[in-house]
Amino acid sequence: QVQLVESGGGLVQPGGSLRLSCAVSGIRVNDMYWYRQAPGKQRERVATLTSGGSSYYEDSVKGRFTISRDNAKNTVYLQMNSLKPEDTGRYYCNTDSTLAIRYWGQGTQVTVSS
């Protein structure tokens, strides 16, 4: 059974930090990704981590977010620093394998507000 379980979201003040986690199970993966969907907006990819260790970021989060993985734990992380109100949204992880079968988890809500 394939599962993506996101956690770590919450309410944080502007300038604050949050670390999201995503536990992957039931499938072999190569590349891993984080997406977010803000209210009234399309879901967008914000970070990519390839199996070879290369990372890529959407311009608006570059320099503030860091994607990483722990292969032994089948977990991908997103460290988010210097958070802005425009970072507010529901955050989802995904992988090349789960995208291929059009699978999405429940996501985790991040709200940046004073």
PDB file of N, CA and C in Angstrom:
ATOM      1  N   GLN A   1       0.840  -1.190   0.000  1.00  0.00           N
ATOM      2  CA  GLN A   1       0.000   0.000   0.000  1.00  0.00           C
ATOM      3  C   GLN A   1       0.881   1.248   0.000  1.00  0.00           C
ATOM      4  N   VAL A   2       0.686   2.096  -0.990  1.00  0.00           N
ATOM      5  CA  VAL A   2       1.449   3.329  -1.115  1.00  0.00           C
ATOM      6  C   VAL A   2       0.929   4.364  -0.120  1.00  0.00           C
ATOM      7  N   GLN A   3       1.861   5.038   0.541  1.00  0.00           N
ATOM      8  CA  GLN A   3       1.493   6.109   1.462  1.00  0.00           C
ATOM      9  C   GLN A   3       2.501   7.241   1.441  1.00  0.00           C
ATOM     10  N   LEU A   4       1.989   8.467   1.460  1.00  0.00           N
ATOM     11  CA  LEU A   4       2.773   9.668   1.690  1.00  0.00           C
ATOM     12  C   LEU A   4       2.115  10.379   2.857  1.00  0.00           C
ATOM     13  N   VAL A   5       2.848  10.545   3.943  1.00  0.00           N
ATOM     14  CA  VAL A   5       2.284  11.154   5.135  1.00  0.00           C
ATOM     15  C   VAL A   5       3.101  12.370   5.518  1.00  0.00           C
ATOM     16  N   GLU A   6       2.531  13.545   5.275  1.00  0.00           N
ATOM     17  CA  GLU A   6       3.183  14.809   5.601  1.00  0.00           C
ATOM     18  C   GLU A   6       2.885  15.211   7.035  1.00  0.00           C
ATOM     19  N   SER A   7       3.840  15.874   7.665  1.00  0.00           N
ATOM     20  CA  SER A   7       3.646  16.365   9.019  1.00  0.00           C
ATOM     21  C   SER A   7       4.556  17.565   9.258  1.00  0.00           C
ATOM     22  N   GLY A   8       4.322  18.263  10.351  1.00  0.00           N
ATOM     23  CA  GLY A   8       5.180  19.358  10.758  1.00  0.00           C
ATOM     24  C   GLY A   8       4.643  20.747  10.489  1.00  0.00           C
ATOM     25  N   GLY A   9       3.505  20.849   9.840  1.00  0.00           N
ATOM     26  CA  GLY A   9       2.924  22.146   9.572  1.00  0.00           C
ATOM     27  C   GLY A   9       2.366  22.784  10.826  1.00  0.00           C
ATOM     28  N   GLY A  10       1.990  24.044  10.697  1.00  0.00           N
ATOM     29  CA  GLY A  10       1.429  24.758  11.820  1.00  0.00           C
ATOM     30  C   GLY A  10       1.380  26.241  11.558  1.00  0.00           C
ATOM     31  N   LEU A  11       1.109  26.981  12.611  1.00  0.00           N
ATOM     32  CA  LEU A  11       1.043  28.433  12.558  1.00  0.00           C
ATOM     33  C   LEU A  11       2.372  29.006  13.025  1.00  0.00           C
ATOM     34  N   VAL A  12       2.950  29.885  12.222  1.00  0.00           N
ATOM     35  CA  VAL A  12       4.237  30.480  12.553  1.00  0.00           C
ATOM     36  C   VAL A  12       4.220  31.957  12.174  1.00  0.00           C
ATOM     37  N   GLN A  13       4.956  32.765  12.910  1.00  0.00           N
ATOM     38  CA  GLN A  13       5.040  34.193  12.615  1.00  0.00           C
ATOM     39  C   GLN A  13       5.984  34.471  11.451  1.00  0.00           C
ATOM     40  N   PRO A  14       5.766  35.570  10.730  1.00  0.00           N
ATOM     41  CA  PRO A  14       6.716  35.950   9.686  1.00  0.00           C
ATOM     42  C   PRO A  14       8.136  36.005  10.232  1.00  0.00           C
ATOM     43  N   GLY A  15       9.072  35.476   9.449  1.00  0.00           N
ATOM     44  CA  GLY A  15      10.454  35.394   9.879  1.00  0.00           C
ATOM     45  C   GLY A  15      10.793  34.119  10.610  1.00  0.00           C
ATOM     46  N   GLY A  16       9.788  33.352  10.955  1.00  0.00           N
ATOM     47  CA  GLY A  16       9.993  32.123  11.683  1.00  0.00           C
ATOM     48  C   GLY A  16      10.396  30.968  10.796  1.00  0.00           C
ATOM     49  N   SER A  17      10.559  29.809  11.415  1.00  0.00           N
ATOM     50  CA  SER A  17      10.996  28.606  10.727  1.00  0.00           C
ATOM     51  C   SER A  17      10.084  27.435  11.036  1.00  0.00           C
ATOM     52  N   LEU A  18      10.087  26.488  10.122  1.00  0.00           N
ATOM     53  CA  LEU A  18       9.301  25.277  10.275  1.00  0.00           C
ATOM     54  C   LEU A  18      10.011  24.166   9.511  1.00  0.00           C
ATOM     55  N   ARG A  19       9.928  22.953  10.018  1.00  0.00           N
ATOM     56  CA  ARG A  19      10.507  21.801   9.339  1.00  0.00           C
ATOM     57  C   ARG A  19       9.411  20.787   9.054  1.00  0.00           C
ATOM     58  N   LEU A  20       9.159  20.537   7.784  1.00  0.00           N
ATOM     59  CA  LEU A  20       8.164  19.564   7.375  1.00  0.00           C
ATOM     60  C   LEU A  20       8.818  18.217   7.119  1.00  0.00           C
ATOM     61  N   SER A  21       8.071  17.158   7.390  1.00  0.00           N
ATOM     62  CA  SER A  21       8.534  15.807   7.136  1.00  0.00           C
ATOM     63  C   SER A  21       7.524  15.080   6.269  1.00  0.00           C
ATOM     64  N   CYS A  22       8.004  14.125   5.502  1.00  0.00           N
ATOM     65  CA  CYS A  22       7.141  13.291   4.688  1.00  0.00           C
ATOM     66  C   CYS A  22       7.658  11.868   4.728  1.00  0.00           C
ATOM     67  N   ALA A  23       6.852  10.982   5.260  1.00  0.00           N
ATOM     68  CA  ALA A  23       7.195   9.569   5.308  1.00  0.00           C
ATOM     69  C   ALA A  23       6.633   8.867   4.082  1.00  0.00           C
ATOM     70  N   VAL A  24       7.494   8.190   3.371  1.00  0.00           N
ATOM     71  CA  VAL A  24       7.128   7.471   2.156  1.00  0.00           C
ATOM     72  C   VAL A  24       7.139   5.985   2.446  1.00  0.00           C
ATOM     73  N   SER A  25       6.100   5.292   2.031  1.00  0.00           N
ATOM     74  CA  SER A  25       6.072   3.849   2.208  1.00  0.00           C
ATOM     75  C   SER A  25       5.360   3.175   1.052  1.00  0.00           C
ATOM     76  N   GLY A  26       5.677   1.920   0.856  1.00  0.00           N
ATOM     77  CA  GLY A  26       4.980   1.101  -0.119  1.00  0.00           C
ATOM     78  C   GLY A  26       5.438   1.238  -1.554  1.00  0.00           C
ATOM     79  N   ILE A  27       6.517   1.990  -1.785  1.00  0.00           N
ATOM     80  CA  ILE A  27       6.964   2.211  -3.151  1.00  0.00           C
ATOM     81  C   ILE A  27       8.429   2.623  -3.161  1.00  0.00           C
ATOM     82  N   ARG A  28       9.133   2.227  -4.190  1.00  0.00           N
ATOM     83  CA  ARG A  28      10.521   2.643  -4.394  1.00  0.00           C
ATOM     84  C   ARG A  28      10.528   3.990  -5.109  1.00  0.00           C
ATOM     85  N   VAL A  29      11.419   4.868  -4.682  1.00  0.00           N
ATOM     86  CA  VAL A  29      11.452   6.215  -5.247  1.00  0.00           C
ATOM     87  C   VAL A  29      12.855   6.601  -5.688  1.00  0.00           C
ATOM     88  N   ASN A  30      12.903   7.571  -6.581  1.00  0.00           N
ATOM     89  CA  ASN A  30      14.156   8.188  -7.005  1.00  0.00           C
ATOM     90  C   ASN A  30      14.142   9.661  -6.600  1.00  0.00           C
ATOM     91  N   ASP A  31      13.451  10.469  -7.378  1.00  0.00           N
ATOM     92  CA  ASP A  31      13.359  11.893  -7.078  1.00  0.00           C
ATOM     93  C   ASP A  31      12.246  12.170  -6.078  1.00  0.00           C
ATOM     94  N   MET A  32      12.430  13.202  -5.264  1.00  0.00           N
ATOM     95  CA  MET A  32      11.445  13.602  -4.275  1.00  0.00           C
ATOM     96  C   MET A  32      11.177  15.096  -4.411  1.00  0.00           C
ATOM     97  N   TYR A  33       9.957  15.485  -4.071  1.00  0.00           N
ATOM     98  CA  TYR A  33       9.513  16.853  -4.300  1.00  0.00           C
ATOM     99  C   TYR A  33       8.639  17.362  -3.163  1.00  0.00           C
ATOM    100  N   TRP A  34       8.622  18.678  -3.018  1.00  0.00           N
ATOM    101  CA  TRP A  34       7.633  19.352  -2.198  1.00  0.00           C
ATOM    102  C   TRP A  34       6.828  20.305  -3.073  1.00  0.00           C
ATOM    103  N   TYR A  35       5.521  20.299  -2.878  1.00  0.00           N
ATOM    104  CA  TYR A  35       4.592  21.200  -3.543  1.00  0.00           C
ATOM    105  C   TYR A  35       3.845  21.994  -2.490  1.00  0.00           C
ATOM    106  N   ARG A  36       3.268  23.110  -2.908  1.00  0.00           N
ATOM    107  CA  ARG A  36       2.361  23.828  -2.034  1.00  0.00           C
ATOM    108  C   ARG A  36       1.208  24.382  -2.847  1.00  0.00           C
ATOM    109  N   GLN A  37       0.098  24.585  -2.183  1.00  0.00           N
ATOM    110  CA  GLN A  37      -1.063  25.192  -2.803  1.00  0.00           C
ATOM    111  C   GLN A  37      -1.596  26.271  -1.879  1.00  0.00           C
ATOM    112  N   ALA A  38      -1.468  27.510  -2.321  1.00  0.00           N
ATOM    113  CA  ALA A  38      -1.977  28.645  -1.570  1.00  0.00           C
ATOM    114  C   ALA A  38      -3.461  28.823  -1.879  1.00  0.00           C
ATOM    115  N   PRO A  39      -4.192  29.498  -0.988  1.00  0.00           N
ATOM    116  CA  PRO A  39      -5.620  29.742  -1.255  1.00  0.00           C
ATOM    117  C   PRO A  39      -5.828  30.446  -2.591  1.00  0.00           C
ATOM    118  N   GLY A  40      -6.698  29.896  -3.423  1.00  0.00           N
ATOM    119  CA  GLY A  40      -7.008  30.486  -4.712  1.00  0.00           C
ATOM    120  C   GLY A  40      -5.941  30.328  -5.778  1.00  0.00           C
ATOM    121  N   LYS A  41      -4.923  29.539  -5.501  1.00  0.00           N
ATOM    122  CA  LYS A  41      -3.820  29.358  -6.438  1.00  0.00           C
ATOM    123  C   LYS A  41      -3.685  27.897  -6.856  1.00  0.00           C
ATOM    124  N   GLN A  42      -2.981  27.681  -7.959  1.00  0.00           N
ATOM    125  CA  GLN A  42      -2.650  26.326  -8.393  1.00  0.00           C
ATOM    126  C   GLN A  42      -1.579  25.726  -7.500  1.00  0.00           C
ATOM    127  N   ARG A  43      -1.580  24.415  -7.422  1.00  0.00           N
ATOM    128  CA  ARG A  43      -0.498  23.722  -6.747  1.00  0.00           C
ATOM    129  C   ARG A  43       0.792  23.949  -7.534  1.00  0.00           C
ATOM    130  N   GLU A  44       1.870  24.269  -6.839  1.00  0.00           N
ATOM    131  CA  GLU A  44       3.145  24.509  -7.489  1.00  0.00           C
ATOM    132  C   GLU A  44       4.256  23.722  -6.806  1.00  0.00           C
ATOM    133  N   ARG A  45       5.215  23.300  -7.592  1.00  0.00           N
ATOM    134  CA  ARG A  45       6.378  22.623  -7.047  1.00  0.00           C
ATOM    135  C   ARG A  45       7.335  23.660  -6.490  1.00  0.00           C
ATOM    136  N   VAL A  46       7.760  23.495  -5.256  1.00  0.00           N
ATOM    137  CA  VAL A  46       8.673  24.449  -4.652  1.00  0.00           C
ATOM    138  C   VAL A  46      10.084  23.891  -4.467  1.00  0.00           C
ATOM    139  N   ALA A  47      10.238  22.568  -4.419  1.00  0.00           N
ATOM    140  CA  ALA A  47      11.551  21.996  -4.206  1.00  0.00           C
ATOM    141  C   ALA A  47      11.640  20.609  -4.805  1.00  0.00           C
ATOM    142  N   THR A  48      12.814  20.275  -5.304  1.00  0.00           N
ATOM    143  CA  THR A  48      13.103  18.981  -5.897  1.00  0.00           C
ATOM    144  C   THR A  48      14.414  18.460  -5.335  1.00  0.00           C
ATOM    145  N   LEU A  49      14.466  17.175  -5.065  1.00  0.00           N
ATOM    146  CA  LEU A  49      15.712  16.520  -4.693  1.00  0.00           C
ATOM    147  C   LEU A  49      15.822  15.236  -5.483  1.00  0.00           C
ATOM    148  N   THR A  50      16.839  15.148  -6.323  1.00  0.00           N
ATOM    149  CA  THR A  50      17.017  13.969  -7.153  1.00  0.00           C
ATOM    150  C   THR A  50      17.742  12.872  -6.386  1.00  0.00           C
ATOM    151  N   SER A  51      17.658  11.661  -6.928  1.00  0.00           N
ATOM    152  CA  SER A  51      18.349  10.538  -6.305  1.00  0.00           C
ATOM    153  C   SER A  51      19.859  10.738  -6.302  1.00  0.00           C
ATOM    154  N   GLY A  52      20.349  11.554  -7.238  1.00  0.00           N
ATOM    155  CA  GLY A  52      21.765  11.862  -7.302  1.00  0.00           C
ATOM    156  C   GLY A  52      22.214  12.967  -6.363  1.00  0.00           C
ATOM    157  N   GLY A  53      21.261  13.565  -5.633  1.00  0.00           N
ATOM    158  CA  GLY A  53      21.602  14.573  -4.649  1.00  0.00           C
ATOM    159  C   GLY A  53      21.515  16.010  -5.114  1.00  0.00           C
ATOM    160  N   SER A  54      21.017  16.233  -6.315  1.00  0.00           N
ATOM    161  CA  SER A  54      20.846  17.596  -6.808  1.00  0.00           C
ATOM    162  C   SER A  54      19.530  18.176  -6.312  1.00  0.00           C
ATOM    163  N   SER A  55      19.545  19.440  -5.914  1.00  0.00           N
ATOM    164  CA  SER A  55      18.335  20.103  -5.449  1.00  0.00           C
ATOM    165  C   SER A  55      18.009  21.308  -6.317  1.00  0.00           C
ATOM    166  N   TYR A  56      16.714  21.582  -6.436  1.00  0.00           N
ATOM    167  CA  TYR A  56      16.217  22.689  -7.242  1.00  0.00           C
ATOM    168  C   TYR A  56      15.057  23.326  -6.503  1.00  0.00           C
ATOM    169  N   TYR A  57      14.936  24.657  -6.634  1.00  0.00           N
ATOM    170  CA  TYR A  57      13.919  25.397  -5.907  1.00  0.00           C
ATOM    171  C   TYR A  57      13.209  26.393  -6.795  1.00  0.00           C
ATOM    172  N   GLU A  58      11.934  26.598  -6.501  1.00  0.00           N
ATOM    173  CA  GLU A  58      11.188  27.669  -7.127  1.00  0.00           C
ATOM    174  C   GLU A  58      11.801  28.997  -6.672  1.00  0.00           C
ATOM    175  N   ASP A  59      11.819  29.973  -7.552  1.00  0.00           N
ATOM    176  CA  ASP A  59      12.528  31.219  -7.275  1.00  0.00           C
ATOM    177  C   ASP A  59      12.106  31.892  -5.973  1.00  0.00           C
ATOM    178  N   SER A  60      10.832  31.854  -5.660  1.00  0.00           N
ATOM    179  CA  SER A  60      10.338  32.572  -4.492  1.00  0.00           C
ATOM    180  C   SER A  60      10.822  31.988  -3.164  1.00  0.00           C
ATOM    181  N   VAL A  61      11.293  30.744  -3.171  1.00  0.00           N
ATOM    182  CA  VAL A  61      11.753  30.118  -1.932  1.00  0.00           C
ATOM    183  C   VAL A  61      13.262  29.897  -1.908  1.00  0.00           C
ATOM    184  N   LYS A  62      13.917  30.192  -2.997  1.00  0.00           N
ATOM    185  CA  LYS A  62      15.361  29.980  -3.113  1.00  0.00           C
ATOM    186  C   LYS A  62      16.105  30.759  -2.034  1.00  0.00           C
ATOM    187  N   GLY A  63      17.013  30.091  -1.350  1.00  0.00           N
ATOM    188  CA  GLY A  63      17.773  30.711  -0.286  1.00  0.00           C
ATOM    189  C   GLY A  63      17.110  30.645   1.068  1.00  0.00           C
ATOM    190  N   ARG A  64      15.852  30.258   1.114  1.00  0.00           N
ATOM    191  CA  ARG A  64      15.112  30.168   2.366  1.00  0.00           C
ATOM    192  C   ARG A  64      14.707  28.739   2.719  1.00  0.00           C
ATOM    193  N   PHE A  65      14.427  27.924   1.711  1.00  0.00           N
ATOM    194  CA  PHE A  65      13.988  26.546   1.923  1.00  0.00           C
ATOM    195  C   PHE A  65      15.104  25.584   1.547  1.00  0.00           C
ATOM    196  N   THR A  66      15.169  24.468   2.256  1.00  0.00           N
ATOM    197  CA  THR A  66      16.125  23.421   1.952  1.00  0.00           C
ATOM    198  C   THR A  66      15.435  22.062   1.987  1.00  0.00           C
ATOM    199  N   ILE A  67      15.564  21.318   0.905  1.00  0.00           N
ATOM    200  CA  ILE A  67      15.015  19.970   0.843  1.00  0.00           C
ATOM    201  C   ILE A  67      16.124  18.967   1.146  1.00  0.00           C
ATOM    202  N   SER A  68      15.802  17.944   1.901  1.00  0.00           N
ATOM    203  CA  SER A  68      16.766  16.906   2.226  1.00  0.00           C
ATOM    204  C   SER A  68      16.037  15.576   2.381  1.00  0.00           C
ATOM    205  N   ARG A  69      16.797  14.512   2.477  1.00  0.00           N
ATOM    206  CA  ARG A  69      16.188  13.190   2.623  1.00  0.00           C
ATOM    207  C   ARG A  69      17.019  12.305   3.519  1.00  0.00           C
ATOM    208  N   ASP A  70      16.364  11.345   4.119  1.00  0.00           N
ATOM    209  CA  ASP A  70      17.009  10.298   4.875  1.00  0.00           C
ATOM    210  C   ASP A  70      16.547   8.995   4.239  1.00  0.00           C
ATOM    211  N   ASN A  71      17.401   8.429   3.412  1.00  0.00           N
ATOM    212  CA  ASN A  71      17.020   7.235   2.665  1.00  0.00           C
ATOM    213  C   ASN A  71      16.717   6.042   3.571  1.00  0.00           C
ATOM    214  N   ALA A  72      17.459   5.920   4.659  1.00  0.00           N
ATOM    215  CA  ALA A  72      17.241   4.812   5.585  1.00  0.00           C
ATOM    216  C   ALA A  72      15.857   4.870   6.218  1.00  0.00           C
ATOM    217  N   LYS A  73      15.348   6.081   6.406  1.00  0.00           N
ATOM    218  CA  LYS A  73      14.025   6.261   7.008  1.00  0.00           C
ATOM    219  C   LYS A  73      12.927   6.496   5.979  1.00  0.00           C
ATOM    220  N   ASN A  74      13.296   6.490   4.699  1.00  0.00           N
ATOM    221  CA  ASN A  74      12.339   6.771   3.625  1.00  0.00           C
ATOM    222  C   ASN A  74      11.555   8.044   3.905  1.00  0.00           C
ATOM    223  N   THR A  75      12.293   9.079   4.263  1.00  0.00           N
ATOM    224  CA  THR A  75      11.685  10.339   4.663  1.00  0.00           C
ATOM    225  C   THR A  75      12.342  11.501   3.930  1.00  0.00           C
ATOM    226  N   VAL A  76      11.520  12.445   3.505  1.00  0.00           N
ATOM    227  CA  VAL A  76      12.012  13.675   2.908  1.00  0.00           C
ATOM    228  C   VAL A  76      11.589  14.842   3.796  1.00  0.00           C
ATOM    229  N   TYR A  77      12.452  15.844   3.900  1.00  0.00           N
ATOM    230  CA  TYR A  77      12.214  16.990   4.759  1.00  0.00           C
ATOM    231  C   TYR A  77      12.231  18.278   3.959  1.00  0.00           C
ATOM    232  N   LEU A  78      11.558  19.272   4.488  1.00  0.00           N
ATOM    233  CA  LEU A  78      11.649  20.617   3.948  1.00  0.00           C
ATOM    234  C   LEU A  78      11.865  21.575   5.108  1.00  0.00           C
ATOM    235  N   GLN A  79      13.066  22.113   5.199  1.00  0.00           N
ATOM    236  CA  GLN A  79      13.377  23.129   6.192  1.00  0.00           C
ATOM    237  C   GLN A  79      13.021  24.485   5.609  1.00  0.00           C
ATOM    238  N   MET A  80      12.149  25.205   6.279  1.00  0.00           N
ATOM    239  CA  MET A  80      11.673  26.492   5.802  1.00  0.00           C
ATOM    240  C   MET A  80      12.077  27.569   6.796  1.00  0.00           C
ATOM    241  N   ASN A  81      12.890  28.501   6.344  1.00  0.00           N
ATOM    242  CA  ASN A  81      13.353  29.607   7.173  1.00  0.00           C
ATOM    243  C   ASN A  81      12.874  30.930   6.602  1.00  0.00           C
ATOM    244  N   SER A  82      12.945  31.962   7.419  1.00  0.00           N
ATOM    245  CA  SER A  82      12.545  33.309   7.000  1.00  0.00           C
ATOM    246  C   SER A  82      11.186  33.306   6.325  1.00  0.00           C
ATOM    247  N   LEU A  83      10.241  32.662   6.960  1.00  0.00           N
ATOM    248  CA  LEU A  83       8.925  32.479   6.361  1.00  0.00           C
ATOM    249  C   LEU A  83       8.191  33.796   6.175  1.00  0.00           C
ATOM    250  N   LYS A  84       7.455  33.867   5.083  1.00  0.00           N
ATOM    251  CA  LYS A  84       6.677  35.036   4.706  1.00  0.00           C
ATOM    252  C   LYS A  84       5.202  34.667   4.635  1.00  0.00           C
ATOM    253  N   PRO A  85       4.319  35.645   4.798  1.00  0.00           N
ATOM    254  CA  PRO A  85       2.889  35.345   4.676  1.00  0.00           C
ATOM    255  C   PRO A  85       2.527  34.666   3.356  1.00  0.00           C
ATOM    256  N   GLU A  86       3.211  35.009   2.276  1.00  0.00           N
ATOM    257  CA  GLU A  86       2.931  34.394   0.989  1.00  0.00           C
ATOM    258  C   GLU A  86       3.353  32.934   0.899  1.00  0.00           C
ATOM    259  N   ASP A  87       4.052  32.427   1.909  1.00  0.00           N
ATOM    260  CA  ASP A  87       4.364  31.006   1.982  1.00  0.00           C
ATOM    261  C   ASP A  87       3.197  30.185   2.511  1.00  0.00           C
ATOM    262  N   THR A  88       2.168  30.851   2.972  1.00  0.00           N
ATOM    263  CA  THR A  88       0.996  30.167   3.510  1.00  0.00           C
ATOM    264  C   THR A  88       0.357  29.269   2.456  1.00  0.00           C
ATOM    265  N   GLY A  89       0.004  28.063   2.864  1.00  0.00           N
ATOM    266  CA  GLY A  89      -0.649  27.129   1.971  1.00  0.00           C
ATOM    267  C   GLY A  89      -0.572  25.719   2.514  1.00  0.00           C
ATOM    268  N   ARG A  90      -1.143  24.813   1.759  1.00  0.00           N
ATOM    269  CA  ARG A  90      -1.046  23.414   2.123  1.00  0.00           C
ATOM    270  C   ARG A  90       0.141  22.809   1.377  1.00  0.00           C
ATOM    271  N   TYR A  91       1.011  22.141   2.111  1.00  0.00           N
ATOM    272  CA  TYR A  91       2.234  21.588   1.559  1.00  0.00           C
ATOM    273  C   TYR A  91       2.116  20.080   1.392  1.00  0.00           C
ATOM    274  N   TYR A  92       2.515  19.602   0.231  1.00  0.00           N
ATOM    275  CA  TYR A  92       2.447  18.196  -0.116  1.00  0.00           C
ATOM    276  C   TYR A  92       3.812  17.702  -0.569  1.00  0.00           C
ATOM    277  N   CYS A  93       4.165  16.511  -0.167  1.00  0.00           N
ATOM    278  CA  CYS A  93       5.331  15.885  -0.749  1.00  0.00           C
ATOM    279  C   CYS A  93       4.887  14.972  -1.875  1.00  0.00           C
ATOM    280  N   ASN A  94       5.818  14.612  -2.726  1.00  0.00           N
ATOM    281  CA  ASN A  94       5.561  13.604  -3.727  1.00  0.00           C
ATOM    282  C   ASN A  94       6.881  13.044  -4.218  1.00  0.00           C
ATOM    283  N   THR A  95       6.812  12.015  -5.018  1.00  0.00           N
ATOM    284  CA  THR A  95       7.987  11.362  -5.578  1.00  0.00           C
ATOM    285  C   THR A  95       7.706  11.073  -7.039  1.00  0.00           C
ATOM    286  N   ASP A  96       8.766  10.728  -7.773  1.00  0.00           N
ATOM    287  CA  ASP A  96       8.555  10.368  -9.164  1.00  0.00           C
ATOM    288  C   ASP A  96       7.602   9.176  -9.281  1.00  0.00           C
ATOM    289  N   SER A  97       7.743   8.219  -8.395  1.00  0.00           N
ATOM    290  CA  SER A  97       6.929   7.006  -8.454  1.00  0.00           C
ATOM    291  C   SER A  97       5.462   7.264  -8.136  1.00  0.00           C
ATOM    292  N   THR A  98       5.192   8.105  -7.147  1.00  0.00           N
ATOM    293  CA  THR A  98       3.810   8.371  -6.783  1.00  0.00           C
ATOM    294  C   THR A  98       3.133   9.354  -7.733  1.00  0.00           C
ATOM    295  N   LEU A  99       3.898  10.270  -8.312  1.00  0.00           N
ATOM    296  CA  LEU A  99       3.344  11.124  -9.354  1.00  0.00           C
ATOM    297  C   LEU A  99       2.892  10.290 -10.548  1.00  0.00           C
ATOM    298  N   ALA A 100       3.656   9.261 -10.865  1.00  0.00           N
ATOM    299  CA  ALA A 100       3.341   8.406 -12.002  1.00  0.00           C
ATOM    300  C   ALA A 100       2.002   7.701 -11.847  1.00  0.00           C
ATOM    301  N   ILE A 101       1.583   7.439 -10.624  1.00  0.00           N
ATOM    302  CA  ILE A 101       0.287   6.805 -10.380  1.00  0.00           C
ATOM    303  C   ILE A 101      -0.747   7.812  -9.883  1.00  0.00           C
ATOM    304  N   ARG A 102      -0.430   9.100 -10.004  1.00  0.00           N
ATOM    305  CA  ARG A 102      -1.336  10.194  -9.644  1.00  0.00           C
ATOM    306  C   ARG A 102      -1.819  10.106  -8.201  1.00  0.00           C
ATOM    307  N   TYR A 103      -0.893   9.828  -7.319  1.00  0.00           N
ATOM    308  CA  TYR A 103      -1.191   9.714  -5.903  1.00  0.00           C
ATOM    309  C   TYR A 103      -0.750  10.959  -5.152  1.00  0.00           C
ATOM    310  N   TRP A 104      -1.613  11.439  -4.275  1.00  0.00           N
ATOM    311  CA  TRP A 104      -1.298  12.553  -3.385  1.00  0.00           C
ATOM    312  C   TRP A 104      -1.728  12.223  -1.962  1.00  0.00           C
ATOM    313  N   GLY A 105      -0.927  12.661  -1.009  1.00  0.00           N
ATOM    314  CA  GLY A 105      -1.297  12.525   0.381  1.00  0.00           C
ATOM    315  C   GLY A 105      -2.223  13.641   0.808  1.00  0.00           C
ATOM    316  N   GLN A 106      -2.420  13.766   2.117  1.00  0.00           N
ATOM    317  CA  GLN A 106      -3.318  14.769   2.661  1.00  0.00           C
ATOM    318  C   GLN A 106      -2.682  16.152   2.778  1.00  0.00           C
ATOM    319  N   GLY A 107      -1.361  16.208   2.768  1.00  0.00           N
ATOM    320  CA  GLY A 107      -0.661  17.465   2.934  1.00  0.00           C
ATOM    321  C   GLY A 107      -0.639  17.919   4.381  1.00  0.00           C
ATOM    322  N   THR A 108       0.077  19.010   4.622  1.00  0.00           N
ATOM    323  CA  THR A 108       0.123  19.608   5.946  1.00  0.00           C
ATOM    324  C   THR A 108       0.026  21.125   5.793  1.00  0.00           C
ATOM    325  N   GLN A 109      -0.798  21.730   6.605  1.00  0.00           N
ATOM    326  CA  GLN A 109      -1.077  23.154   6.472  1.00  0.00           C
ATOM    327  C   GLN A 109       0.013  23.992   7.118  1.00  0.00           C
ATOM    328  N   VAL A 110       0.475  25.003   6.390  1.00  0.00           N
ATOM    329  CA  VAL A 110       1.422  25.988   6.904  1.00  0.00           C
ATOM    330  C   VAL A 110       0.764  27.355   6.815  1.00  0.00           C
ATOM    331  N   THR A 111       0.672  28.024   7.942  1.00  0.00           N
ATOM    332  CA  THR A 111       0.104  29.362   7.976  1.00  0.00           C
ATOM    333  C   THR A 111       1.126  30.312   8.583  1.00  0.00           C
ATOM    334  N   VAL A 112       1.488  31.334   7.824  1.00  0.00           N
ATOM    335  CA  VAL A 112       2.459  32.334   8.268  1.00  0.00           C
ATOM    336  C   VAL A 112       1.702  33.634   8.488  1.00  0.00           C
ATOM    337  N   SER A 113       1.572  34.010   9.732  1.00  0.00           N
ATOM    338  CA  SER A 113       0.768  35.176  10.077  1.00  0.00           C
ATOM    339  C   SER A 113       1.190  35.722  11.423  1.00  0.00           C
ATOM    340  N   SER A 114       1.069  37.039  11.568  1.00  0.00           N
ATOM    341  CA  SER A 114       1.322  37.684  12.841  1.00  0.00           C
ATOM    342  C   SER A 114       0.031  37.866  13.632  1.00  0.00           C
TER     343      SER A 114
END
